[in-house]
PDB file of N, CA and C in Angstrom:
ATOM      1  N   MET A   1     146.036  81.082  81.947  1.00  0.00           N
ATOM      2  CA  MET A   1     144.944  81.801  82.575  1.00  0.00           C
ATOM      3  C   MET A   1     144.162  80.848  83.465  1.00  0.00           C
ATOM      4  N   ARG A   2     143.980  81.265  84.707  1.00  0.00           N
ATOM      5  CA  ARG A   2     143.261  80.409  85.651  1.00  0.00           C
ATOM      6  C   ARG A   2     141.764  80.653  85.540  1.00  0.00           C
ATOM      7  N   ASP A   3     141.053  79.587  85.668  1.00  0.00           N
ATOM      8  CA  ASP A   3     139.594  79.674  85.570  1.00  0.00           C
ATOM      9  C   ASP A   3     138.995  79.112  86.854  1.00  0.00           C
ATOM     10  N   ASP A   4     139.195  79.849  87.965  1.00  0.00           N
ATOM     11  CA  ASP A   4     138.671  79.402  89.255  1.00  0.00           C
ATOM     12  C   ASP A   4     137.210  79.779  89.454  1.00  0.00           C
ATOM     13  N   ALA A   5     136.726  80.715  88.707  1.00  0.00           N
ATOM     14  CA  ALA A   5     135.345  81.157  88.873  1.00  0.00           C
ATOM     15  C   ALA A   5     134.397  80.085  88.352  1.00  0.00           C
ATOM     16  N   PRO A   6     133.333  79.821  89.105  1.00  0.00           N
ATOM     17  CA  PRO A   6     132.370  78.825  88.625  1.00  0.00           C
ATOM     18  C   PRO A   6     131.605  79.345  87.414  1.00  0.00           C
ATOM     19  N   ASP A   7     131.162  78.413  86.608  1.00  0.00           N
ATOM     20  CA  ASP A   7     130.351  78.779  85.448  1.00  0.00           C
ATOM     21  C   ASP A   7     128.952  79.131  85.926  1.00  0.00           C
ATOM     22  N   VAL A   8     128.576  80.358  85.739  1.00  0.00           N
ATOM     23  CA  VAL A   8     127.277  80.840  86.182  1.00  0.00           C
ATOM     24  C   VAL A   8     126.524  81.338  84.966  1.00  0.00           C
ATOM     25  N   GLU A   9     125.320  80.844  84.818  1.00  0.00           N
ATOM     26  CA  GLU A   9     124.453  81.325  83.755  1.00  0.00           C
ATOM     27  C   GLU A   9     123.338  82.139  84.400  1.00  0.00           C
ATOM     28  N   PRO A  10     123.347  83.443  84.228  1.00  0.00           N
ATOM     29  CA  PRO A  10     122.337  84.267  84.887  1.00  0.00           C
ATOM     30  C   PRO A  10     120.952  84.029  84.293  1.00  0.00           C
ATOM     31  N   LEU A  11     119.980  84.013  85.168  1.00  0.00           N
ATOM     32  CA  LEU A  11     118.601  83.884  84.724  1.00  0.00           C
ATOM     33  C   LEU A  11     118.153  85.233  84.178  1.00  0.00           C
ATOM     34  N   ILE A  12     117.568  85.217  83.038  1.00  0.00           N
ATOM     35  CA  ILE A  12     117.182  86.466  82.394  1.00  0.00           C
ATOM     36  C   ILE A  12     115.989  87.059  83.141  1.00  0.00           C
ATOM     37  N   LEU A  13     116.137  88.317  83.567  1.00  0.00           N
ATOM     38  CA  LEU A  13     115.118  88.980  84.370  1.00  0.00           C
ATOM     39  C   LEU A  13     113.762  89.083  83.670  1.00  0.00           C
ATOM     40  N   PRO A  14     113.680  89.407  82.384  1.00  0.00           N
ATOM     41  CA  PRO A  14     112.351  89.498  81.768  1.00  0.00           C
ATOM     42  C   PRO A  14     111.566  88.186  81.780  1.00  0.00           C
ATOM     43  N   LEU A  15     112.235  87.065  81.918  1.00  0.00           N
ATOM     44  CA  LEU A  15     111.507  85.798  81.974  1.00  0.00           C
ATOM     45  C   LEU A  15     110.812  85.594  83.310  1.00  0.00           C
ATOM     46  N   THR A  16     111.292  86.253  84.359  1.00  0.00           N
ATOM     47  CA  THR A  16     110.705  86.075  85.685  1.00  0.00           C
ATOM     48  C   THR A  16     109.881  87.269  86.124  1.00  0.00           C
ATOM     49  N   ARG A  17     109.848  88.321  85.333  1.00  0.00           N
ATOM     50  CA  ARG A  17     109.157  89.544  85.727  1.00  0.00           C
ATOM     51  C   ARG A  17     107.649  89.396  85.521  1.00  0.00           C
ATOM     52  N   PRO A  18     106.836  89.788  86.520  1.00  0.00           N
ATOM     53  CA  PRO A  18     105.383  89.753  86.330  1.00  0.00           C
ATOM     54  C   PRO A  18     104.953  90.881  85.396  1.00  0.00           C
ATOM     55  N   PRO A  19     103.762  90.770  84.818  1.00  0.00           N
ATOM     56  CA  PRO A  19     103.303  91.840  83.924  1.00  0.00           C
ATOM     57  C   PRO A  19     103.073  93.138  84.696  1.00  0.00           C
ATOM     58  N   LEU A  20     103.615  94.223  84.180  1.00  0.00           N
ATOM     59  CA  LEU A  20     103.513  95.530  84.824  1.00  0.00           C
ATOM     60  C   LEU A  20     102.694  96.466  83.953  1.00  0.00           C
ATOM     61  N   TYR A  21     102.011  97.384  84.597  1.00  0.00           N
ATOM     62  CA  TYR A  21     101.249  98.404  83.901  1.00  0.00           C
ATOM     63  C   TYR A  21     101.471  99.709  84.647  1.00  0.00           C
ATOM     64  N   PHE A  22     102.043 100.689  83.997  1.00  0.00           N
ATOM     65  CA  PHE A  22     102.443 101.954  84.615  1.00  0.00           C
ATOM     66  C   PHE A  22     103.364 101.734  85.811  1.00  0.00           C
ATOM     67  N   GLY A  23     104.214 100.733  85.724  1.00  0.00           N
ATOM     68  CA  GLY A  23     105.229 100.498  86.742  1.00  0.00           C
ATOM     69  C   GLY A  23     104.798  99.656  87.919  1.00  0.00           C
ATOM     70  N   VAL A  24     103.529  99.302  88.012  1.00  0.00           N
ATOM     71  CA  VAL A  24     103.061  98.469  89.120  1.00  0.00           C
ATOM     72  C   VAL A  24     102.530  97.155  88.560  1.00  0.00           C
ATOM     73  N   ASP A  25     102.416  96.187  89.436  1.00  0.00           N
ATOM     74  CA  ASP A  25     101.874  94.893  89.040  1.00  0.00           C
ATOM     75  C   ASP A  25     100.453  95.084  88.531  1.00  0.00           C
ATOM     76  N   ILE A  26     100.082  94.319  87.546  1.00  0.00           N
ATOM     77  CA  ILE A  26      98.778  94.509  86.907  1.00  0.00           C
ATOM     78  C   ILE A  26      97.629  94.232  87.882  1.00  0.00           C
ATOM     79  N   ILE A  27      97.844  93.350  88.856  1.00  0.00           N
ATOM     80  CA  ILE A  27      96.804  93.070  89.855  1.00  0.00           C
ATOM     81  C   ILE A  27      96.549  94.312  90.702  1.00  0.00           C
ATOM     82  N   VAL A  28      97.617  94.963  91.147  1.00  0.00           N
ATOM     83  CA  VAL A  28      97.485  96.181  91.950  1.00  0.00           C
ATOM     84  C   VAL A  28      96.865  97.298  91.118  1.00  0.00           C
ATOM     85  N   PHE A  29      97.251  97.384  89.852  1.00  0.00           N
ATOM     86  CA  PHE A  29      96.703  98.425  88.986  1.00  0.00           C
ATOM     87  C   PHE A  29      95.195  98.254  88.811  1.00  0.00           C
ATOM     88  N   VAL A  30      94.747  97.035  88.596  1.00  0.00           N
ATOM     89  CA  VAL A  30      93.311  96.785  88.401  1.00  0.00           C
ATOM     90  C   VAL A  30      92.535  97.069  89.684  1.00  0.00           C
ATOM     91  N   ILE A  31      93.045  96.610  90.823  1.00  0.00           N
ATOM     92  CA  ILE A  31      92.350  96.848  92.096  1.00  0.00           C
ATOM     93  C   ILE A  31      92.305  98.345  92.402  1.00  0.00           C
ATOM     94  N   ASN A  32      93.408  99.035  92.160  1.00  0.00           N
ATOM     95  CA  ASN A  32      93.450 100.474  92.395  1.00  0.00           C
ATOM     96  C   ASN A  32      92.510 101.212  91.441  1.00  0.00           C
ATOM     97  N   GLY A  33      92.449 100.787  90.193  1.00  0.00           N
ATOM     98  CA  GLY A  33      91.525 101.396  89.244  1.00  0.00           C
ATOM     99  C   GLY A  33      90.072 101.172  89.630  1.00  0.00           C
ATOM    100  N   MET A  34      89.762  99.968  90.084  1.00  0.00           N
ATOM    101  CA  MET A  34      88.394  99.692  90.533  1.00  0.00           C
ATOM    102  C   MET A  34      88.044 100.544  91.750  1.00  0.00           C
ATOM    103  N   PHE A  35      89.005 100.722  92.646  1.00  0.00           N
ATOM    104  CA  PHE A  35      88.792 101.566  93.820  1.00  0.00           C
ATOM    105  C   PHE A  35      88.485 103.002  93.395  1.00  0.00           C
ATOM    106  N   GLY A  36      89.237 103.525  92.437  1.00  0.00           N
ATOM    107  CA  GLY A  36      88.997 104.881  91.953  1.00  0.00           C
ATOM    108  C   GLY A  36      87.656 105.027  91.260  1.00  0.00           C
ATOM    109  N   ILE A  37      87.271 104.030  90.476  1.00  0.00           N
ATOM    110  CA  ILE A  37      85.977 104.079  89.784  1.00  0.00           C
ATOM    111  C   ILE A  37      84.824 104.001  90.776  1.00  0.00           C
ATOM    112  N   ILE A  38      84.952 103.157  91.783  1.00  0.00           N
ATOM    113  CA  ILE A  38      83.900 103.058  92.805  1.00  0.00           C
ATOM    114  C   ILE A  38      83.778 104.374  93.569  1.00  0.00           C
ATOM    115  N   LEU A  39      84.917 105.004  93.875  1.00  0.00           N
ATOM    116  CA  LEU A  39      84.855 106.315  94.532  1.00  0.00           C
ATOM    117  C   LEU A  39      84.157 107.344  93.650  1.00  0.00           C
ATOM    118  N   PHE A  40      84.426 107.313  92.354  1.00  0.00           N
ATOM    119  CA  PHE A  40      83.783 108.252  91.440  1.00  0.00           C
ATOM    120  C   PHE A  40      82.280 108.011  91.382  1.00  0.00           C
ATOM    121  N   ILE A  41      81.877 106.756  91.293  1.00  0.00           N
ATOM    122  CA  ILE A  41      80.445 106.447  91.217  1.00  0.00           C
ATOM    123  C   ILE A  41      79.742 106.820  92.515  1.00  0.00           C
ATOM    124  N   ALA A  42      80.387 106.549  93.646  1.00  0.00           N
ATOM    125  CA  ALA A  42      79.753 106.825  94.936  1.00  0.00           C
ATOM    126  C   ALA A  42      79.647 108.321  95.215  1.00  0.00           C
ATOM    127  N   SER A  43      80.628 109.099  94.764  1.00  0.00           N
ATOM    128  CA  SER A  43      80.624 110.518  95.114  1.00  0.00           C
ATOM    129  C   SER A  43      80.148 111.427  93.980  1.00  0.00           C
ATOM    130  N   SER A  44      80.125 110.946  92.756  1.00  0.00           N
ATOM    131  CA  SER A  44      79.772 111.746  91.572  1.00  0.00           C
ATOM    132  C   SER A  44      80.654 112.990  91.454  1.00  0.00           C
ATOM    133  N   ASN A  45      81.874 112.864  91.890  1.00  0.00           N
ATOM    134  CA  ASN A  45      82.836 113.956  91.833  1.00  0.00           C
ATOM    135  C   ASN A  45      84.017 113.503  90.986  1.00  0.00           C
ATOM    136  N   PHE A  46      84.422 114.349  90.045  1.00  0.00           N
ATOM    137  CA  PHE A  46      85.518 113.963  89.160  1.00  0.00           C
ATOM    138  C   PHE A  46      86.870 113.952  89.870  1.00  0.00           C
ATOM    139  N   LEU A  47      86.970 114.584  91.010  1.00  0.00           N
ATOM    140  CA  LEU A  47      88.232 114.617  91.745  1.00  0.00           C
ATOM    141  C   LEU A  47      88.396 113.433  92.697  1.00  0.00           C
ATOM    142  N   ALA A  48      87.358 112.674  92.925  1.00  0.00           N
ATOM    143  CA  ALA A  48      87.431 111.549  93.860  1.00  0.00           C
ATOM    144  C   ALA A  48      88.423 110.469  93.422  1.00  0.00           C
ATOM    145  N   PRO A  49      88.533 110.133  92.129  1.00  0.00           N
ATOM    146  CA  PRO A  49      89.524 109.114  91.750  1.00  0.00           C
ATOM    147  C   PRO A  49      90.969 109.531  91.984  1.00  0.00           C
ATOM    148  N   LEU A  50      91.211 110.810  92.256  1.00  0.00           N
ATOM    149  CA  LEU A  50      92.574 111.247  92.552  1.00  0.00           C
ATOM    150  C   LEU A  50      93.094 110.661  93.861  1.00  0.00           C
ATOM    151  N   VAL A  51      92.193 110.120  94.668  1.00  0.00           N
ATOM    152  CA  VAL A  51      92.613 109.441  95.896  1.00  0.00           C
ATOM    153  C   VAL A  51      93.436 108.202  95.551  1.00  0.00           C
ATOM    154  N   ALA A  52      93.197 107.643  94.383  1.00  0.00           N
ATOM    155  CA  ALA A  52      93.927 106.444  93.972  1.00  0.00           C
ATOM    156  C   ALA A  52      95.371 106.745  93.585  1.00  0.00           C
ATOM    157  N   LEU A  53      95.714 107.993  93.327  1.00  0.00           N
ATOM    158  CA  LEU A  53      97.085 108.336  92.937  1.00  0.00           C
ATOM    159  C   LEU A  53      98.115 108.057  94.033  1.00  0.00           C
ATOM    160  N   PRO A  54      97.877 108.459  95.289  1.00  0.00           N
ATOM    161  CA  PRO A  54      98.867 108.107  96.319  1.00  0.00           C
ATOM    162  C   PRO A  54      99.028 106.600  96.496  1.00  0.00           C
ATOM    163  N   ILE A  55      97.941 105.866  96.353  1.00  0.00           N
ATOM    164  CA  ILE A  55      98.027 104.407  96.451  1.00  0.00           C
ATOM    165  C   ILE A  55      98.874 103.863  95.307  1.00  0.00           C
ATOM    166  N   HIS A  56      98.707 104.445  94.123  1.00  0.00           N
ATOM    167  CA  HIS A  56      99.510 104.010  92.979  1.00  0.00           C
ATOM    168  C   HIS A  56     100.993 104.305  93.210  1.00  0.00           C
ATOM    169  N   PHE A  57     101.308 105.472  93.758  1.00  0.00           N
ATOM    170  CA  PHE A  57     102.710 105.817  93.985  1.00  0.00           C
ATOM    171  C   PHE A  57     103.340 104.962  95.079  1.00  0.00           C
ATOM    172  N   ILE A  58     102.558 104.589  96.086  1.00  0.00           N
ATOM    173  CA  ILE A  58     103.073 103.671  97.112  1.00  0.00           C
ATOM    174  C   ILE A  58     103.346 102.307  96.491  1.00  0.00           C
ATOM    175  N   ALA A  59     102.419 101.834  95.669  1.00  0.00           N
ATOM    176  CA  ALA A  59     102.623 100.550  94.991  1.00  0.00           C
ATOM    177  C   ALA A  59     103.795 100.624  94.020  1.00  0.00           C
ATOM    178  N   LEU A  60     103.973 101.754  93.366  1.00  0.00           N
ATOM    179  CA  LEU A  60     105.105 101.941  92.458  1.00  0.00           C
ATOM    180  C   LEU A  60     106.424 101.860  93.216  1.00  0.00           C
ATOM    181  N   TYR A  61     106.485 102.495  94.375  1.00  0.00           N
ATOM    182  CA  TYR A  61     107.696 102.436  95.195  1.00  0.00           C
ATOM    183  C   TYR A  61     107.978 101.006  95.639  1.00  0.00           C
ATOM    184  N   LEU A  62     106.938 100.298  96.099  1.00  0.00           N
ATOM    185  CA  LEU A  62     107.135  98.919  96.560  1.00  0.00           C
ATOM    186  C   LEU A  62     107.550  98.006  95.414  1.00  0.00           C
ATOM    187  N   CYS A  63     106.975  98.207  94.232  1.00  0.00           N
ATOM    188  CA  CYS A  63     107.342  97.373  93.086  1.00  0.00           C
ATOM    189  C   CYS A  63     108.745  97.686  92.586  1.00  0.00           C
ATOM    190  N   GLN A  64     109.213  98.905  92.785  1.00  0.00           N
ATOM    191  CA  GLN A  64     110.591  99.216  92.418  1.00  0.00           C
ATOM    192  C   GLN A  64     111.577  98.584  93.388  1.00  0.00           C
ATOM    193  N   ARG A  65     111.187  98.466  94.645  1.00  0.00           N
ATOM    194  CA  ARG A  65     112.061  97.837  95.635  1.00  0.00           C
ATOM    195  C   ARG A  65     112.137  96.330  95.429  1.00  0.00           C
ATOM    196  N   ASP A  66     110.982  95.701  95.203  1.00  0.00           N
ATOM    197  CA  ASP A  66     110.929  94.257  94.967  1.00  0.00           C
ATOM    198  C   ASP A  66     109.831  94.004  93.948  1.00  0.00           C
ATOM    199  N   ILE A  67     110.212  93.500  92.797  1.00  0.00           N
ATOM    200  CA  ILE A  67     109.269  93.331  91.692  1.00  0.00           C
ATOM    201  C   ILE A  67     108.212  92.265  92.006  1.00  0.00           C
ATOM    202  N   HIS A  68     108.525  91.356  92.919  1.00  0.00           N
ATOM    203  CA  HIS A  68     107.608  90.265  93.254  1.00  0.00           C
ATOM    204  C   HIS A  68     106.889  90.492  94.584  1.00  0.00           C
ATOM    205  N   ILE A  69     106.767  91.728  95.041  1.00  0.00           N
ATOM    206  CA  ILE A  69     106.168  91.998  96.344  1.00  0.00           C
ATOM    207  C   ILE A  69     104.702  91.572  96.388  1.00  0.00           C
ATOM    208  N   VAL A  70     104.001  91.699  95.286  1.00  0.00           N
ATOM    209  CA  VAL A  70     102.585  91.312  95.266  1.00  0.00           C
ATOM    210  C   VAL A  70     102.453  89.802  95.430  1.00  0.00           C
ATOM    211  N   ARG A  71     103.309  89.046  94.769  1.00  0.00           N
ATOM    212  CA  ARG A  71     103.270  87.586  94.895  1.00  0.00           C
ATOM    213  C   ARG A  71     103.656  87.153  96.306  1.00  0.00           C
ATOM    214  N   VAL A  72     104.615  87.844  96.900  1.00  0.00           N
ATOM    215  CA  VAL A  72     105.035  87.520  98.266  1.00  0.00           C
ATOM    216  C   VAL A  72     103.885  87.756  99.237  1.00  0.00           C
ATOM    217  N   VAL A  73     103.178  88.865  99.086  1.00  0.00           N
ATOM    218  CA  VAL A  73     102.037  89.159  99.957  1.00  0.00           C
ATOM    219  C   VAL A  73     100.915  88.153  99.718  1.00  0.00           C
ATOM    220  N   GLN A  74     100.680  87.762  98.462  1.00  0.00           N
ATOM    221  CA  GLN A  74      99.646  86.764  98.175  1.00  0.00           C
ATOM    222  C   GLN A  74      99.961  85.435  98.844  1.00  0.00           C
ATOM    223  N   VAL A  75     101.203  84.997  98.766  1.00  0.00           N
ATOM    224  CA  VAL A  75     101.584  83.729  99.392  1.00  0.00           C
ATOM    225  C   VAL A  75     101.472  83.839 100.903  1.00  0.00           C
ATOM    226  N   PHE A  76     101.900  84.970 101.472  1.00  0.00           N
ATOM    227  CA  PHE A  76     101.801  85.156 102.918  1.00  0.00           C
ATOM    228  C   PHE A  76     100.353  85.092 103.379  1.00  0.00           C
ATOM    229  N   LEU A  77      99.464  85.771 102.668  1.00  0.00           N
ATOM    230  CA  LEU A  77      98.057  85.772 103.067  1.00  0.00           C
ATOM    231  C   LEU A  77      97.392  84.419 102.835  1.00  0.00           C
ATOM    232  N   SER A  78      97.826  83.676 101.831  1.00  0.00           N
ATOM    233  CA  SER A  78      97.229  82.363 101.603  1.00  0.00           C
ATOM    234  C   SER A  78      97.702  81.347 102.636  1.00  0.00           C
ATOM    235  N   MET A  79      98.896  81.533 103.171  1.00  0.00           N
ATOM    236  CA  MET A  79      99.405  80.612 104.186  1.00  0.00           C
ATOM    237  C   MET A  79      98.853  80.929 105.569  1.00  0.00           C
ATOM    238  N   ARG A  80      98.399  82.133 105.773  1.00  0.00           N
ATOM    239  CA  ARG A  80      97.923  82.564 107.084  1.00  0.00           C
ATOM    240  C   ARG A  80      96.395  82.631 107.062  1.00  0.00           C
ATOM    241  N   ARG A  81      95.802  81.494 107.038  1.00  0.00           N
ATOM    242  CA  ARG A  81      94.342  81.435 107.003  1.00  0.00           C
ATOM    243  C   ARG A  81      93.767  81.641 108.403  1.00  0.00           C
ATOM    244  N   ALA A  82      92.527  82.054 108.438  1.00  0.00           N
ATOM    245  CA  ALA A  82      91.868  82.304 109.714  1.00  0.00           C
ATOM    246  C   ALA A  82      91.452  80.983 110.350  1.00  0.00           C
ATOM    247  N   ILE A  83      92.040  80.688 111.468  1.00  0.00           N
ATOM    248  CA  ILE A  83      91.672  79.502 112.239  1.00  0.00           C
ATOM    249  C   ILE A  83      90.989  80.009 113.497  1.00  0.00           C
ATOM    250  N   ARG A  84      89.762  79.609 113.688  1.00  0.00           N
ATOM    251  CA  ARG A  84      88.946  80.205 114.739  1.00  0.00           C
ATOM    252  C   ARG A  84      89.412  79.846 116.138  1.00  0.00           C
ATOM    253  N   ASN A  85      90.034  78.695 116.306  1.00  0.00           N
ATOM    254  CA  ASN A  85      90.446  78.302 117.650  1.00  0.00           C
ATOM    255  C   ASN A  85      91.956  78.408 117.842  1.00  0.00           C
ATOM    256  N   ARG A  86      92.606  79.322 117.147  1.00  0.00           N
ATOM    257  CA  ARG A  86      94.053  79.504 117.265  1.00  0.00           C
ATOM    258  C   ARG A  86      94.444  79.918 118.684  1.00  0.00           C
ATOM    259  N   HIS A  87      93.680  80.797 119.302  1.00  0.00           N
ATOM    260  CA  HIS A  87      94.030  81.269 120.640  1.00  0.00           C
ATOM    261  C   HIS A  87      93.769  80.195 121.694  1.00  0.00           C
ATOM    262  N   PHE A  88      92.828  79.320 121.439  1.00  0.00           N
ATOM    263  CA  PHE A  88      92.547  78.255 122.400  1.00  0.00           C
ATOM    264  C   PHE A  88      93.656  77.215 122.403  1.00  0.00           C
ATOM    265  N   TRP A  89      94.065  76.743 121.209  1.00  0.00           N
ATOM    266  CA  TRP A  89      95.099  75.715 121.119  1.00  0.00           C
ATOM    267  C   TRP A  89      96.507  76.307 121.104  1.00  0.00           C
ATOM    268  N   LYS A  90      96.608  77.628 120.938  1.00  0.00           N
ATOM    269  CA  LYS A  90      97.897  78.319 120.853  1.00  0.00           C
ATOM    270  C   LYS A  90      98.750  77.792 119.705  1.00  0.00           C
ATOM    271  N   ALA A  91      98.108  77.449 118.629  1.00  0.00           N
ATOM    272  CA  ALA A  91      98.785  76.982 117.423  1.00  0.00           C
ATOM    273  C   ALA A  91      97.826  77.144 116.251  1.00  0.00           C
ATOM    274  N   GLY A  92      98.373  77.139 115.043  1.00  0.00           N
ATOM    275  CA  GLY A  92      97.548  77.252 113.854  1.00  0.00           C
ATOM    276  C   GLY A  92      97.099  75.884 113.391  1.00  0.00           C
ATOM    277  N   SER A  93      96.405  75.161 114.248  1.00  0.00           N
ATOM    278  CA  SER A  93      96.014  73.802 113.923  1.00  0.00           C
ATOM    279  C   SER A  93      94.647  73.524 114.520  1.00  0.00           C
ATOM    280  N   TYR A  94      94.024  72.481 114.027  1.00  0.00           N
ATOM    281  CA  TYR A  94      92.731  72.085 114.558  1.00  0.00           C
ATOM    282  C   TYR A  94      92.862  70.941 115.549  1.00  0.00           C
ATOM    283  N   THR A  95      94.057  70.621 115.937  1.00  0.00           N
ATOM    284  CA  THR A  95      94.290  69.508 116.837  1.00  0.00           C
ATOM    285  C   THR A  95      94.875  70.016 118.150  1.00  0.00           C
ATOM    286  N   PRO A  96      94.627  69.333 119.259  1.00  0.00           N
ATOM    287  CA  PRO A  96      95.174  69.784 120.540  1.00  0.00           C
ATOM    288  C   PRO A  96      96.642  69.413 120.743  1.00  0.00           C
ATOM    289  N   LEU A  97      97.283  68.790 119.763  1.00  0.00           N
ATOM    290  CA  LEU A  97      98.687  68.438 119.911  1.00  0.00           C
ATOM    291  C   LEU A  97      99.531  69.702 119.998  1.00  0.00           C
ATOM    292  N   THR A  98     100.535  69.673 120.854  1.00  0.00           N
ATOM    293  CA  THR A  98     101.371  70.859 121.026  1.00  0.00           C
ATOM    294  C   THR A  98     102.296  71.028 119.832  1.00  0.00           C
ATOM    295  N   SER A  99     102.606  72.250 119.580  1.00  0.00           N
ATOM    296  CA  SER A  99     103.480  72.575 118.462  1.00  0.00           C
ATOM    297  C   SER A  99     104.534  73.555 118.942  1.00  0.00           C
ATOM    298  N   SER A 100     105.761  73.376 118.501  1.00  0.00           N
ATOM    299  CA  SER A 100     106.824  74.300 118.890  1.00  0.00           C
ATOM    300  C   SER A 100     106.859  75.524 117.987  1.00  0.00           C
ATOM    301  N   ILE A 101     106.135  75.484 116.889  1.00  0.00           N
ATOM    302  CA  ILE A 101     106.105  76.602 115.957  1.00  0.00           C
ATOM    303  C   ILE A 101     104.911  77.478 116.294  1.00  0.00           C
ATOM    304  N   THR A 102     105.163  78.742 116.544  1.00  0.00           N
ATOM    305  CA  THR A 102     104.071  79.668 116.818  1.00  0.00           C
ATOM    306  C   THR A 102     103.899  80.589 115.630  1.00  0.00           C
ATOM    307  N   ILE A 103     102.672  80.947 115.397  1.00  0.00           N
ATOM    308  CA  ILE A 103     102.364  81.828 114.263  1.00  0.00           C
ATOM    309  C   ILE A 103     102.040  83.199 114.785  1.00  0.00           C
TER     310      ILE A 103
END
């Protein structure tokens, strides 16, 4: 019997999965819940938190497509900080040196 296949040890998915609550990342769930509670307090209407349901279903769809989508967005937003003179220097830097990488 030939053993040409490389030895692969799969990484167990539950070890890399972020904590989920009702199918979405717990960070999205908490922010969405706070949004619904603030809407309820501001409007004093019991139907106002239902606005959070479509947001939850969109987040549920995105989390089903990629379980780490929230972490990817967090890293993207942390890397793309607001630099006030970006348009002047045409780069994401505080120096006038030219850069071949554009953001």
